[in-house]
Amino acid sequence: MQQFVRNAVTRAINEHSRLFNEAADHVLRVSEELNRRLA
């Protein structure tokens, strides 16, 4: 049972990291676009 809980927590953390990375990529792309427009 403990192993199951640990696996679930690991999956949740991995999913959170993936979403965070996608959001960070999006922010970088938006800021690059803004820099191009302001330049």
PDB file of N, CA and C in Angstrom:
ATOM      1  N   MET A   1       0.841  -1.204   0.000  1.00  0.00           N
ATOM      2  CA  MET A   1       0.000   0.000   0.000  1.00  0.00           C
ATOM      3  C   MET A   1       0.875   1.254   0.000  1.00  0.00           C
ATOM      4  N   GLN A   2       1.931   1.217   0.804  1.00  0.00           N
ATOM      5  CA  GLN A   2       2.812   2.379   0.884  1.00  0.00           C
ATOM      6  C   GLN A   2       3.460   2.650  -0.475  1.00  0.00           C
ATOM      7  N   GLN A   3       3.839   1.578  -1.164  1.00  0.00           N
ATOM      8  CA  GLN A   3       4.460   1.734  -2.479  1.00  0.00           C
ATOM      9  C   GLN A   3       3.487   2.388  -3.454  1.00  0.00           C
ATOM     10  N   PHE A   4       2.220   2.008  -3.370  1.00  0.00           N
ATOM     11  CA  PHE A   4       1.201   2.592  -4.247  1.00  0.00           C
ATOM     12  C   PHE A   4       1.102   4.101  -4.016  1.00  0.00           C
ATOM     13  N   VAL A   5       1.087   4.492  -2.741  1.00  0.00           N
ATOM     14  CA  VAL A   5       0.992   5.917  -2.412  1.00  0.00           C
ATOM     15  C   VAL A   5       2.219   6.647  -2.931  1.00  0.00           C
ATOM     16  N   ARG A   6       3.389   6.038  -2.758  1.00  0.00           N
ATOM     17  CA  ARG A   6       4.619   6.678  -3.214  1.00  0.00           C
ATOM     18  C   ARG A   6       4.596   6.860  -4.727  1.00  0.00           C
ATOM     19  N   ASN A   7       4.108   5.839  -5.439  1.00  0.00           N
ATOM     20  CA  ASN A   7       4.022   5.944  -6.898  1.00  0.00           C
ATOM     21  C   ASN A   7       3.063   7.055  -7.305  1.00  0.00           C
ATOM     22  N   ALA A   8       1.949   7.159  -6.615  1.00  0.00           N
ATOM     23  CA  ALA A   8       0.969   8.193  -6.945  1.00  0.00           C
ATOM     24  C   ALA A   8       1.566   9.583  -6.716  1.00  0.00           C
ATOM     25  N   VAL A   9       2.293   9.735  -5.627  1.00  0.00           N
ATOM     26  CA  VAL A   9       2.918  11.030  -5.332  1.00  0.00           C
ATOM     27  C   VAL A   9       3.955  11.360  -6.397  1.00  0.00           C
ATOM     28  N   THR A  10       4.750  10.366  -6.774  1.00  0.00           N
ATOM     29  CA  THR A  10       5.778  10.583  -7.800  1.00  0.00           C
ATOM     30  C   THR A  10       5.143  11.000  -9.111  1.00  0.00           C
ATOM     31  N   ARG A  11       4.048  10.329  -9.485  1.00  0.00           N
ATOM     32  CA  ARG A  11       3.365  10.689 -10.734  1.00  0.00           C
ATOM     33  C   ARG A  11       2.827  12.111 -10.665  1.00  0.00           C
ATOM     34  N   ALA A  12       2.261  12.482  -9.536  1.00  0.00           N
ATOM     35  CA  ALA A  12       1.708  13.831  -9.390  1.00  0.00           C
ATOM     36  C   ALA A  12       2.812  14.879  -9.508  1.00  0.00           C
ATOM     37  N   ILE A  13       3.957  14.599  -8.893  1.00  0.00           N
ATOM     38  CA  ILE A  13       5.075  15.550  -8.960  1.00  0.00           C
ATOM     39  C   ILE A  13       5.591  15.660 -10.385  1.00  0.00           C
ATOM     40  N   ASN A  14       5.713  14.531 -11.077  1.00  0.00           N
ATOM     41  CA  ASN A  14       6.185  14.564 -12.463  1.00  0.00           C
ATOM     42  C   ASN A  14       5.234  15.362 -13.339  1.00  0.00           C
ATOM     43  N   GLU A  15       3.946  15.162 -13.150  1.00  0.00           N
ATOM     44  CA  GLU A  15       2.946  15.884 -13.941  1.00  0.00           C
ATOM     45  C   GLU A  15       3.047  17.384 -13.654  1.00  0.00           C
ATOM     46  N   HIS A  16       3.205  17.723 -12.377  1.00  0.00           N
ATOM     47  CA  HIS A  16       3.322  19.128 -12.006  1.00  0.00           C
ATOM     48  C   HIS A  16       4.559  19.742 -12.655  1.00  0.00           C
ATOM     49  N   SER A  17       5.677  19.020 -12.640  1.00  0.00           N
ATOM     50  CA  SER A  17       6.908  19.526 -13.248  1.00  0.00           C
ATOM     51  C   SER A  17       6.721  19.736 -14.738  1.00  0.00           C
ATOM     52  N   ARG A  18       6.023  18.804 -15.378  1.00  0.00           N
ATOM     53  CA  ARG A  18       5.811  18.914 -16.822  1.00  0.00           C
ATOM     54  C   ARG A  18       4.982  20.161 -17.139  1.00  0.00           C
ATOM     55  N   LEU A  19       3.915  20.366 -16.369  1.00  0.00           N
ATOM     56  CA  LEU A  19       3.071  21.542 -16.594  1.00  0.00           C
ATOM     57  C   LEU A  19       3.854  22.823 -16.330  1.00  0.00           C
ATOM     58  N   PHE A  20       4.681  22.797 -15.282  1.00  0.00           N
ATOM     59  CA  PHE A  20       5.476  23.977 -14.964  1.00  0.00           C
ATOM     60  C   PHE A  20       6.450  24.289 -16.095  1.00  0.00           C
ATOM     61  N   ASN A  21       7.091  23.247 -16.643  1.00  0.00           N
ATOM     62  CA  ASN A  21       8.031  23.456 -17.745  1.00  0.00           C
ATOM     63  C   ASN A  21       7.325  24.004 -18.971  1.00  0.00           C
ATOM     64  N   GLU A  22       6.138  23.488 -19.265  1.00  0.00           N
ATOM     65  CA  GLU A  22       5.385  23.991 -20.417  1.00  0.00           C
ATOM     66  C   GLU A  22       5.031  25.466 -20.214  1.00  0.00           C
ATOM     67  N   ALA A  23       4.632  25.819 -19.005  1.00  0.00           N
ATOM     68  CA  ALA A  23       4.286  27.213 -18.727  1.00  0.00           C
ATOM     69  C   ALA A  23       5.520  28.102 -18.864  1.00  0.00           C
ATOM     70  N   ALA A  24       6.667  27.630 -18.375  1.00  0.00           N
ATOM     71  CA  ALA A  24       7.898  28.415 -18.472  1.00  0.00           C
ATOM     72  C   ALA A  24       8.283  28.618 -19.930  1.00  0.00           C
ATOM     73  N   ASP A  25       8.156  27.570 -20.744  1.00  0.00           N
ATOM     74  CA  ASP A  25       8.453  27.695 -22.177  1.00  0.00           C
ATOM     75  C   ASP A  25       7.546  28.742 -22.806  1.00  0.00           C
ATOM     76  N   HIS A  26       6.285  28.709 -22.439  1.00  0.00           N
ATOM     77  CA  HIS A  26       5.325  29.656 -22.999  1.00  0.00           C
ATOM     78  C   HIS A  26       5.711  31.090 -22.627  1.00  0.00           C
ATOM     79  N   VAL A  27       6.073  31.297 -21.370  1.00  0.00           N
ATOM     80  CA  VAL A  27       6.457  32.641 -20.919  1.00  0.00           C
ATOM     81  C   VAL A  27       7.687  33.119 -21.675  1.00  0.00           C
ATOM     82  N   LEU A  28       8.660  32.222 -21.882  1.00  0.00           N
ATOM     83  CA  LEU A  28       9.859  32.610 -22.629  1.00  0.00           C
ATOM     84  C   LEU A  28       9.508  33.024 -24.044  1.00  0.00           C
ATOM     85  N   ARG A  29       8.648  32.248 -24.689  1.00  0.00           N
ATOM     86  CA  ARG A  29       8.269  32.582 -26.067  1.00  0.00           C
ATOM     87  C   ARG A  29       7.557  33.928 -26.123  1.00  0.00           C
ATOM     88  N   VAL A  30       6.658  34.170 -25.177  1.00  0.00           N
ATOM     89  CA  VAL A  30       5.932  35.440 -25.163  1.00  0.00           C
ATOM     90  C   VAL A  30       6.892  36.600 -24.934  1.00  0.00           C
ATOM     91  N   SER A  31       7.843  36.446 -24.020  1.00  0.00           N
ATOM     92  CA  SER A  31       8.763  37.554 -23.750  1.00  0.00           C
ATOM     93  C   SER A  31       9.681  37.798 -24.941  1.00  0.00           C
ATOM     94  N   GLU A  32      10.075  36.737 -25.648  1.00  0.00           N
ATOM     95  CA  GLU A  32      10.886  36.929 -26.854  1.00  0.00           C
ATOM     96  C   GLU A  32      10.100  37.705 -27.899  1.00  0.00           C
ATOM     97  N   GLU A  33       8.829  37.352 -28.047  1.00  0.00           N
ATOM     98  CA  GLU A  33       7.968  38.055 -29.009  1.00  0.00           C
ATOM     99  C   GLU A  33       7.842  39.531 -28.625  1.00  0.00           C
ATOM    100  N   LEU A  34       7.645  39.802 -27.336  1.00  0.00           N
ATOM    101  CA  LEU A  34       7.544  41.192 -26.882  1.00  0.00           C
ATOM    102  C   LEU A  34       8.833  41.946 -27.160  1.00  0.00           C
ATOM    103  N   ASN A  35       9.965  41.315 -26.892  1.00  0.00           N
ATOM    104  CA  ASN A  35      11.250  41.978 -27.143  1.00  0.00           C
ATOM    105  C   ASN A  35      11.402  42.323 -28.613  1.00  0.00           C
ATOM    106  N   ARG A  36      10.984  41.421 -29.485  1.00  0.00           N
ATOM    107  CA  ARG A  36      11.086  41.700 -30.921  1.00  0.00           C
ATOM    108  C   ARG A  36      10.214  42.898 -31.296  1.00  0.00           C
ATOM    109  N   ARG A  37       9.033  42.973 -30.724  1.00  0.00           N
ATOM    110  CA  ARG A  37       8.134  44.077 -31.073  1.00  0.00           C
ATOM    111  C   ARG A  37       8.642  45.406 -30.524  1.00  0.00           C
ATOM    112  N   LEU A  38       9.279  45.356 -29.362  1.00  0.00           N
ATOM    113  CA  LEU A  38       9.762  46.595 -28.752  1.00  0.00           C
ATOM    114  C   LEU A  38      11.073  47.048 -29.378  1.00  0.00           C
ATOM    115  N   ALA A  39      11.824  46.129 -29.942  1.00  0.00           N
ATOM    116  CA  ALA A  39      13.150  46.462 -30.491  1.00  0.00           C
ATOM    117  C   ALA A  39      13.025  47.388 -31.695  1.00  0.00           C
TER     118      ALA A  39
END
